[in-house]
Amino acid sequence: MQVMIDTNVLARFADQDSVQHGEAVDSLRQLQAAGHLPVFNPQIKREFLDVAERPKGTGPGRNGLGLSNQQTCELIAQFQDVFGYLADVPAVDEQFDRLHGKYGGGKSVHDLNIVASMLAHGVTSLLTFNDKHFRHLEAEGISVQTPQQYVAADQQTESGD
């Protein structure tokens, strides 16, 4: 099964200083160990590029990873080697238009595009730290889990609970 990885999971995975780095790493490792393929799409790639190359620190415009363009390109290449990459196809645009007509746009337009890509590619699961942004879209037949929820569910399965 393919599982879409949201930008925030990739960013925490790449940022060893993040308090959520371990959760991101553990959830992605457990997904792969269970035979699932973590995937990302062009929208997530673009968002990651934005976050990765923004300055590190606090305050407006300083909540990034502080990586150089070269470092970011190398990370994206590594992600594409380790995870699946789902290119945009015409069906993504069709799904996006349908979702936008149903839910509207504004701040959620990027989230709608991620779900449109999932639907176009037959991906039904999303791993994100921002589950509240996507909960209303579960009506489209997708499931949304945080890394913490995935790790906890996987541990319960292993222990037989």
N, C-alpha and C. Protein backbone atom coordinates (compact mmCIF):
# COMPACT_ATOMS: atom_id res chain seq x y z
N MET A 1 0.83 -1.17 0.00
CA MET A 1 0.00 0.00 0.00
C MET A 1 0.89 1.25 0.00
N GLN A 2 0.49 2.23 -0.79
CA GLN A 2 1.19 3.51 -0.81
C GLN A 2 0.59 4.44 0.24
N VAL A 3 1.45 5.21 0.90
CA VAL A 3 1.01 6.18 1.90
C VAL A 3 1.63 7.53 1.55
N MET A 4 0.77 8.54 1.34
CA MET A 4 1.27 9.88 1.03
C MET A 4 1.89 10.49 2.29
N ILE A 5 3.08 11.04 2.13
CA ILE A 5 3.80 11.70 3.22
C ILE A 5 3.63 13.20 3.05
N ASP A 6 3.06 13.86 4.02
CA ASP A 6 2.88 15.30 3.94
C ASP A 6 4.24 16.00 4.11
N THR A 7 4.29 17.24 3.65
CA THR A 7 5.51 18.04 3.71
C THR A 7 6.09 18.10 5.12
N ASN A 8 5.22 18.27 6.11
CA ASN A 8 5.72 18.43 7.48
C ASN A 8 6.42 17.17 7.98
N VAL A 9 6.03 16.00 7.50
CA VAL A 9 6.71 14.76 7.88
C VAL A 9 8.09 14.71 7.22
N LEU A 10 8.16 15.05 5.94
CA LEU A 10 9.46 15.08 5.25
C LEU A 10 10.39 16.10 5.92
N ALA A 11 9.85 17.26 6.27
CA ALA A 11 10.68 18.30 6.89
C ALA A 11 11.21 17.85 8.24
N ARG A 12 10.37 17.22 9.05
CA ARG A 12 10.83 16.73 10.37
C ARG A 12 11.81 15.58 10.19
N PHE A 13 11.60 14.76 9.18
CA PHE A 13 12.51 13.66 8.86
C PHE A 13 13.90 14.22 8.53
N ALA A 14 13.94 15.32 7.79
CA ALA A 14 15.20 15.92 7.36
C ALA A 14 15.87 16.76 8.44
N ASP A 15 15.10 17.25 9.40
CA ASP A 15 15.60 18.16 10.43
C ASP A 15 15.92 17.40 11.71
N GLN A 16 17.18 17.04 11.88
CA GLN A 16 17.57 16.27 13.06
C GLN A 16 17.44 17.06 14.36
N ASP A 17 17.29 18.37 14.26
CA ASP A 17 17.12 19.20 15.46
C ASP A 17 15.66 19.30 15.90
N SER A 18 14.74 18.85 15.07
CA SER A 18 13.32 18.96 15.39
C SER A 18 12.95 17.99 16.52
N VAL A 19 12.08 18.46 17.42
CA VAL A 19 11.61 17.57 18.49
C VAL A 19 10.75 16.44 17.92
N GLN A 20 10.27 16.60 16.69
CA GLN A 20 9.45 15.56 16.06
C GLN A 20 10.24 14.71 15.06
N HIS A 21 11.56 14.90 15.02
CA HIS A 21 12.39 14.13 14.10
C HIS A 21 12.25 12.62 14.34
N GLY A 22 12.35 12.21 15.59
CA GLY A 22 12.26 10.79 15.92
C GLY A 22 10.93 10.18 15.51
N GLU A 23 9.84 10.92 15.73
CA GLU A 23 8.52 10.41 15.34
C GLU A 23 8.43 10.24 13.83
N ALA A 24 8.97 11.21 13.10
CA ALA A 24 8.94 11.12 11.63
C ALA A 24 9.76 9.91 11.16
N VAL A 25 10.96 9.76 11.70
CA VAL A 25 11.83 8.65 11.31
C VAL A 25 11.18 7.31 11.67
N ASP A 26 10.69 7.19 12.90
CA ASP A 26 10.08 5.93 13.35
C ASP A 26 8.88 5.55 12.49
N SER A 27 8.01 6.51 12.21
CA SER A 27 6.81 6.20 11.44
C SER A 27 7.16 5.78 10.01
N LEU A 28 8.12 6.45 9.39
CA LEU A 28 8.50 6.08 8.02
C LEU A 28 9.19 4.71 7.99
N ARG A 29 10.03 4.45 8.97
CA ARG A 29 10.68 3.12 9.04
C ARG A 29 9.64 2.02 9.24
N GLN A 30 8.67 2.26 10.12
CA GLN A 30 7.65 1.25 10.38
C GLN A 30 6.75 1.04 9.18
N LEU A 31 6.44 2.11 8.46
CA LEU A 31 5.66 1.97 7.22
C LEU A 31 6.39 1.04 6.26
N GLN A 32 7.67 1.31 6.06
CA GLN A 32 8.45 0.49 5.12
C GLN A 32 8.61 -0.94 5.63
N ALA A 33 8.83 -1.12 6.92
CA ALA A 33 8.97 -2.46 7.48
C ALA A 33 7.69 -3.28 7.31
N ALA A 34 6.55 -2.59 7.30
CA ALA A 34 5.26 -3.27 7.13
C ALA A 34 4.95 -3.50 5.65
N GLY A 35 5.88 -3.14 4.77
CA GLY A 35 5.68 -3.36 3.34
C GLY A 35 4.96 -2.25 2.61
N HIS A 36 4.78 -1.10 3.28
CA HIS A 36 4.12 0.05 2.65
C HIS A 36 5.17 0.93 1.97
N LEU A 37 4.74 1.63 0.94
CA LEU A 37 5.63 2.54 0.23
C LEU A 37 5.24 3.98 0.52
N PRO A 38 6.06 4.72 1.28
CA PRO A 38 5.80 6.14 1.46
C PRO A 38 6.00 6.85 0.11
N VAL A 39 5.08 7.74 -0.23
CA VAL A 39 5.16 8.46 -1.49
C VAL A 39 4.96 9.96 -1.26
N PHE A 40 5.43 10.75 -2.21
CA PHE A 40 5.15 12.19 -2.19
C PHE A 40 4.93 12.64 -3.62
N ASN A 41 4.44 13.86 -3.78
CA ASN A 41 4.07 14.34 -5.10
C ASN A 41 4.71 15.71 -5.36
N PRO A 42 4.49 16.29 -6.55
CA PRO A 42 5.11 17.58 -6.85
C PRO A 42 4.73 18.71 -5.89
N GLN A 43 3.49 18.72 -5.41
CA GLN A 43 3.07 19.75 -4.44
C GLN A 43 3.92 19.66 -3.17
N ILE A 44 4.09 18.46 -2.67
CA ILE A 44 4.87 18.26 -1.45
C ILE A 44 6.34 18.58 -1.72
N LYS A 45 6.82 18.23 -2.89
CA LYS A 45 8.20 18.57 -3.27
C LYS A 45 8.40 20.08 -3.26
N ARG A 46 7.48 20.82 -3.87
CA ARG A 46 7.59 22.29 -3.90
C ARG A 46 7.53 22.88 -2.49
N GLU A 47 6.61 22.38 -1.67
CA GLU A 47 6.50 22.87 -0.30
C GLU A 47 7.77 22.57 0.49
N PHE A 48 8.34 21.37 0.28
CA PHE A 48 9.57 21.02 0.98
C PHE A 48 10.71 21.94 0.56
N LEU A 49 10.81 22.22 -0.75
CA LEU A 49 11.86 23.12 -1.23
C LEU A 49 11.75 24.48 -0.54
N ASP A 50 10.53 24.96 -0.39
CA ASP A 50 10.30 26.25 0.27
C ASP A 50 10.77 26.22 1.72
N VAL A 51 10.35 25.20 2.46
CA VAL A 51 10.71 25.08 3.88
C VAL A 51 12.20 24.85 4.04
N ALA A 52 12.77 23.98 3.23
CA ALA A 52 14.17 23.60 3.38
C ALA A 52 15.12 24.77 3.15
N GLU A 53 14.79 25.64 2.20
CA GLU A 53 15.70 26.72 1.85
C GLU A 53 15.41 28.03 2.59
N ARG A 54 14.36 28.04 3.39
CA ARG A 54 14.07 29.21 4.23
C ARG A 54 15.06 29.24 5.39
N PRO A 55 15.42 30.44 5.88
CA PRO A 55 16.35 30.51 7.02
C PRO A 55 15.79 29.81 8.26
N LYS A 56 16.70 29.27 9.04
CA LYS A 56 16.33 28.61 10.29
C LYS A 56 16.23 29.66 11.39
N GLY A 57 15.35 29.46 12.33
CA GLY A 57 15.22 30.37 13.46
C GLY A 57 13.77 30.61 13.80
N THR A 58 13.52 31.69 14.51
CA THR A 58 12.16 32.05 14.89
C THR A 58 11.80 33.38 14.25
N GLY A 59 10.53 33.61 14.14
CA GLY A 59 10.06 34.86 13.56
C GLY A 59 9.62 34.67 12.12
N PRO A 60 8.98 35.69 11.57
CA PRO A 60 8.46 35.61 10.21
C PRO A 60 9.55 35.27 9.19
N GLY A 61 9.27 34.27 8.36
CA GLY A 61 10.20 33.89 7.32
C GLY A 61 11.44 33.17 7.79
N ARG A 62 11.48 32.77 9.06
CA ARG A 62 12.68 32.12 9.60
C ARG A 62 12.34 30.76 10.22
N ASN A 63 11.32 30.12 9.72
CA ASN A 63 10.93 28.82 10.28
C ASN A 63 11.30 27.68 9.35
N GLY A 64 12.40 27.84 8.65
CA GLY A 64 12.83 26.82 7.70
C GLY A 64 13.94 25.94 8.24
N LEU A 65 14.55 25.21 7.33
CA LEU A 65 15.65 24.32 7.70
C LEU A 65 17.01 24.95 7.46
N GLY A 66 17.04 26.06 6.72
CA GLY A 66 18.30 26.77 6.49
C GLY A 66 19.28 26.04 5.59
N LEU A 67 18.77 25.21 4.69
CA LEU A 67 19.64 24.44 3.80
C LEU A 67 19.95 25.22 2.53
N SER A 68 21.08 24.91 1.92
CA SER A 68 21.43 25.52 0.63
C SER A 68 20.62 24.85 -0.48
N ASN A 69 20.63 25.48 -1.63
CA ASN A 69 19.96 24.90 -2.79
C ASN A 69 20.54 23.52 -3.10
N GLN A 70 21.85 23.40 -3.06
CA GLN A 70 22.49 22.12 -3.36
C GLN A 70 22.09 21.04 -2.35
N GLN A 71 22.09 21.38 -1.07
CA GLN A 71 21.68 20.42 -0.04
C GLN A 71 20.24 19.97 -0.25
N THR A 72 19.38 20.92 -0.59
CA THR A 72 17.97 20.61 -0.80
C THR A 72 17.79 19.70 -2.00
N CYS A 73 18.50 19.99 -3.09
CA CYS A 73 18.41 19.14 -4.28
C CYS A 73 18.89 17.72 -3.99
N GLU A 74 19.95 17.61 -3.20
CA GLU A 74 20.46 16.29 -2.82
C GLU A 74 19.44 15.53 -1.98
N LEU A 75 18.78 16.23 -1.05
CA LEU A 75 17.76 15.58 -0.22
C LEU A 75 16.58 15.10 -1.07
N ILE A 76 16.12 15.94 -2.00
CA ILE A 76 15.01 15.54 -2.87
C ILE A 76 15.40 14.31 -3.67
N ALA A 77 16.62 14.27 -4.19
CA ALA A 77 17.08 13.09 -4.94
C ALA A 77 17.09 11.85 -4.05
N GLN A 78 17.52 12.01 -2.79
CA GLN A 78 17.51 10.88 -1.85
C GLN A 78 16.08 10.43 -1.57
N PHE A 79 15.18 11.39 -1.35
CA PHE A 79 13.78 11.04 -1.11
C PHE A 79 13.21 10.26 -2.30
N GLN A 80 13.55 10.69 -3.51
CA GLN A 80 13.02 10.01 -4.70
C GLN A 80 13.61 8.61 -4.85
N ASP A 81 14.82 8.39 -4.32
CA ASP A 81 15.42 7.05 -4.34
C ASP A 81 14.78 6.13 -3.32
N VAL A 82 14.44 6.67 -2.15
CA VAL A 82 13.95 5.86 -1.04
C VAL A 82 12.43 5.74 -1.03
N PHE A 83 11.74 6.81 -1.39
CA PHE A 83 10.28 6.83 -1.38
C PHE A 83 9.77 6.86 -2.82
N GLY A 84 8.50 6.65 -2.99
CA GLY A 84 7.90 6.76 -4.31
C GLY A 84 7.58 8.21 -4.63
N TYR A 85 7.59 8.54 -5.92
CA TYR A 85 7.26 9.89 -6.36
C TYR A 85 6.13 9.79 -7.38
N LEU A 86 5.01 10.43 -7.07
CA LEU A 86 3.83 10.37 -7.93
C LEU A 86 3.72 11.67 -8.72
N ALA A 87 4.06 11.61 -9.99
CA ALA A 87 4.03 12.79 -10.85
C ALA A 87 2.59 13.24 -11.08
N ASP A 88 2.44 14.51 -11.39
CA ASP A 88 1.12 15.02 -11.73
C ASP A 88 0.68 14.43 -13.07
N VAL A 89 -0.56 14.04 -13.13
CA VAL A 89 -1.20 13.53 -14.34
C VAL A 89 -2.50 14.30 -14.51
N PRO A 90 -3.12 14.27 -15.70
CA PRO A 90 -4.36 15.02 -15.90
C PRO A 90 -5.44 14.73 -14.86
N ALA A 91 -5.50 13.51 -14.36
CA ALA A 91 -6.53 13.15 -13.37
C ALA A 91 -6.37 13.95 -12.07
N VAL A 92 -5.15 14.41 -11.76
CA VAL A 92 -4.95 15.23 -10.56
C VAL A 92 -5.70 16.54 -10.72
N ASP A 93 -5.59 17.15 -11.88
CA ASP A 93 -6.29 18.40 -12.15
C ASP A 93 -7.81 18.22 -12.08
N GLU A 94 -8.28 17.12 -12.63
CA GLU A 94 -9.73 16.84 -12.59
C GLU A 94 -10.21 16.68 -11.15
N GLN A 95 -9.47 15.92 -10.36
CA GLN A 95 -9.84 15.73 -8.96
C GLN A 95 -9.75 17.05 -8.19
N PHE A 96 -8.71 17.83 -8.48
CA PHE A 96 -8.57 19.12 -7.80
C PHE A 96 -9.77 20.02 -8.09
N ASP A 97 -10.16 20.11 -9.35
CA ASP A 97 -11.30 20.96 -9.71
C ASP A 97 -12.57 20.50 -8.98
N ARG A 98 -12.76 19.19 -8.90
CA ARG A 98 -13.93 18.65 -8.21
C ARG A 98 -13.88 19.00 -6.72
N LEU A 99 -12.73 18.78 -6.09
CA LEU A 99 -12.59 19.07 -4.66
C LEU A 99 -12.72 20.57 -4.39
N HIS A 100 -12.14 21.38 -5.22
CA HIS A 100 -12.23 22.83 -5.04
C HIS A 100 -13.68 23.29 -5.16
N GLY A 101 -14.41 22.73 -6.12
CA GLY A 101 -15.82 23.07 -6.26
C GLY A 101 -16.64 22.68 -5.04
N LYS A 102 -16.25 21.59 -4.41
CA LYS A 102 -16.99 21.08 -3.26
C LYS A 102 -16.60 21.77 -1.94
N TYR A 103 -15.31 22.01 -1.74
CA TYR A 103 -14.82 22.50 -0.46
C TYR A 103 -14.34 23.96 -0.47
N GLY A 104 -14.18 24.55 -1.64
CA GLY A 104 -13.64 25.90 -1.71
C GLY A 104 -12.13 25.87 -1.62
N GLY A 105 -11.53 27.06 -1.64
CA GLY A 105 -10.07 27.13 -1.67
C GLY A 105 -9.49 27.86 -0.49
N GLY A 106 -8.91 29.02 -0.77
CA GLY A 106 -8.24 29.76 0.28
C GLY A 106 -7.00 29.04 0.77
N LYS A 107 -6.79 29.06 2.08
CA LYS A 107 -5.59 28.45 2.67
C LYS A 107 -5.51 26.95 2.43
N SER A 108 -6.65 26.31 2.21
CA SER A 108 -6.64 24.85 2.07
C SER A 108 -6.36 24.38 0.65
N VAL A 109 -6.10 25.29 -0.28
CA VAL A 109 -5.95 24.89 -1.67
C VAL A 109 -4.78 23.91 -1.86
N HIS A 110 -3.70 24.07 -1.10
CA HIS A 110 -2.56 23.16 -1.21
C HIS A 110 -2.92 21.77 -0.67
N ASP A 111 -3.68 21.75 0.41
CA ASP A 111 -4.13 20.46 0.96
C ASP A 111 -5.06 19.76 -0.02
N LEU A 112 -5.93 20.52 -0.68
CA LEU A 112 -6.82 19.93 -1.69
C LEU A 112 -6.01 19.30 -2.81
N ASN A 113 -4.91 19.95 -3.20
CA ASN A 113 -4.08 19.41 -4.28
C ASN A 113 -3.41 18.10 -3.86
N ILE A 114 -3.00 18.01 -2.62
CA ILE A 114 -2.40 16.76 -2.13
C ILE A 114 -3.44 15.63 -2.18
N VAL A 115 -4.64 15.91 -1.71
CA VAL A 115 -5.70 14.89 -1.73
C VAL A 115 -6.10 14.57 -3.17
N ALA A 116 -6.14 15.55 -4.04
CA ALA A 116 -6.45 15.30 -5.46
C ALA A 116 -5.43 14.33 -6.06
N SER A 117 -4.17 14.53 -5.73
CA SER A 117 -3.12 13.63 -6.21
C SER A 117 -3.31 12.22 -5.64
N MET A 118 -3.65 12.15 -4.37
CA MET A 118 -3.91 10.84 -3.75
C MET A 118 -5.02 10.11 -4.49
N LEU A 119 -6.13 10.81 -4.71
CA LEU A 119 -7.29 10.18 -5.36
C LEU A 119 -6.96 9.77 -6.79
N ALA A 120 -6.23 10.61 -7.51
CA ALA A 120 -5.88 10.30 -8.89
C ALA A 120 -4.97 9.08 -8.99
N HIS A 121 -4.15 8.87 -7.97
CA HIS A 121 -3.19 7.75 -7.98
C HIS A 121 -3.66 6.55 -7.15
N GLY A 122 -4.86 6.63 -6.59
CA GLY A 122 -5.38 5.50 -5.81
C GLY A 122 -4.74 5.33 -4.44
N VAL A 123 -4.19 6.40 -3.89
CA VAL A 123 -3.58 6.37 -2.56
C VAL A 123 -4.66 6.74 -1.55
N THR A 124 -4.83 5.93 -0.53
CA THR A 124 -5.93 6.16 0.41
C THR A 124 -5.48 6.58 1.81
N SER A 125 -4.17 6.62 2.06
CA SER A 125 -3.68 6.98 3.40
C SER A 125 -2.72 8.16 3.33
N LEU A 126 -2.84 9.03 4.33
CA LEU A 126 -1.99 10.21 4.43
C LEU A 126 -1.34 10.24 5.80
N LEU A 127 -0.04 10.47 5.84
CA LEU A 127 0.71 10.61 7.09
C LEU A 127 1.09 12.09 7.24
N THR A 128 0.59 12.74 8.28
CA THR A 128 0.80 14.18 8.47
C THR A 128 0.81 14.55 9.94
N PHE A 129 1.58 15.57 10.29
CA PHE A 129 1.51 16.13 11.63
C PHE A 129 0.33 17.10 11.75
N ASN A 130 -0.24 17.52 10.62
CA ASN A 130 -1.36 18.47 10.60
C ASN A 130 -2.66 17.76 10.26
N ASP A 131 -3.02 16.76 11.03
CA ASP A 131 -4.21 15.97 10.71
C ASP A 131 -5.49 16.80 10.67
N LYS A 132 -5.56 17.85 11.47
CA LYS A 132 -6.78 18.69 11.50
C LYS A 132 -7.03 19.36 10.15
N HIS A 133 -5.97 19.62 9.39
CA HIS A 133 -6.13 20.24 8.07
C HIS A 133 -6.83 19.31 7.09
N PHE A 134 -6.78 18.01 7.34
CA PHE A 134 -7.28 17.04 6.37
C PHE A 134 -8.49 16.25 6.83
N ARG A 135 -8.87 16.35 8.11
CA ARG A 135 -9.96 15.52 8.64
C ARG A 135 -11.24 15.64 7.83
N HIS A 136 -11.60 16.86 7.41
CA HIS A 136 -12.85 17.03 6.65
C HIS A 136 -12.79 16.34 5.29
N LEU A 137 -11.59 16.03 4.82
CA LEU A 137 -11.44 15.38 3.51
C LEU A 137 -11.50 13.86 3.61
N GLU A 138 -11.62 13.33 4.83
CA GLU A 138 -11.79 11.88 4.97
C GLU A 138 -13.10 11.43 4.32
N ALA A 139 -14.03 12.35 4.13
CA ALA A 139 -15.27 12.03 3.42
C ALA A 139 -15.01 11.62 1.98
N GLU A 140 -13.80 11.89 1.48
CA GLU A 140 -13.43 11.51 0.11
C GLU A 140 -12.85 10.10 0.05
N GLY A 141 -12.86 9.39 1.17
CA GLY A 141 -12.39 8.01 1.18
C GLY A 141 -10.92 7.85 1.53
N ILE A 142 -10.33 8.88 2.11
CA ILE A 142 -8.94 8.76 2.55
C ILE A 142 -8.90 8.63 4.07
N SER A 143 -7.80 8.06 4.58
CA SER A 143 -7.59 8.03 6.02
C SER A 143 -6.40 8.93 6.34
N VAL A 144 -6.47 9.58 7.48
CA VAL A 144 -5.44 10.52 7.90
C VAL A 144 -4.90 10.07 9.24
N GLN A 145 -3.57 9.94 9.32
CA GLN A 145 -2.93 9.57 10.58
C GLN A 145 -1.73 10.45 10.83
N THR A 146 -1.49 10.74 12.09
CA THR A 146 -0.26 11.41 12.48
C THR A 146 0.81 10.34 12.66
N PRO A 147 2.08 10.71 12.61
CA PRO A 147 3.13 9.73 12.90
C PRO A 147 2.94 9.06 14.26
N GLN A 148 2.52 9.84 15.27
CA GLN A 148 2.30 9.27 16.60
C GLN A 148 1.21 8.20 16.55
N GLN A 149 0.11 8.49 15.85
CA GLN A 149 -0.99 7.53 15.74
C GLN A 149 -0.54 6.28 15.01
N TYR A 150 0.25 6.45 13.94
CA TYR A 150 0.71 5.29 13.18
C TYR A 150 1.62 4.41 14.03
N VAL A 151 2.57 5.02 14.72
CA VAL A 151 3.50 4.25 15.56
C VAL A 151 2.74 3.53 16.67
N ALA A 152 1.79 4.21 17.32
CA ALA A 152 1.01 3.59 18.39
C ALA A 152 0.18 2.43 17.87
N ALA A 153 -0.46 2.60 16.72
CA ALA A 153 -1.28 1.53 16.14
C ALA A 153 -0.41 0.34 15.75
N ASP A 154 0.78 0.62 15.21
CA ASP A 154 1.69 -0.44 14.81
C ASP A 154 2.19 -1.21 16.04
N GLN A 155 2.46 -0.50 17.13
CA GLN A 155 2.92 -1.15 18.36
C GLN A 155 1.82 -2.01 18.97
N GLN A 156 0.56 -1.55 18.88
CA GLN A 156 -0.56 -2.35 19.39
C GLN A 156 -0.72 -3.63 18.57
N THR A 157 -0.54 -3.52 17.26
CA THR A 157 -0.65 -4.68 16.39
C THR A 157 0.43 -5.70 16.74
N GLU A 158 1.66 -5.20 16.97
CA GLU A 158 2.77 -6.09 17.31
C GLU A 158 2.57 -6.77 18.66
N SER A 159 1.95 -6.06 19.62
CA SER A 159 1.78 -6.64 20.95
C SER A 159 0.52 -7.49 21.06
N GLY A 160 -0.31 -7.44 20.01
CA GLY A 160 -1.52 -8.26 20.01
C GLY A 160 -2.69 -7.65 20.73
N ASP A 161 -2.61 -6.36 21.08
CA ASP A 161 -3.72 -5.69 21.77
C ASP A 161 -4.90 -5.46 20.86
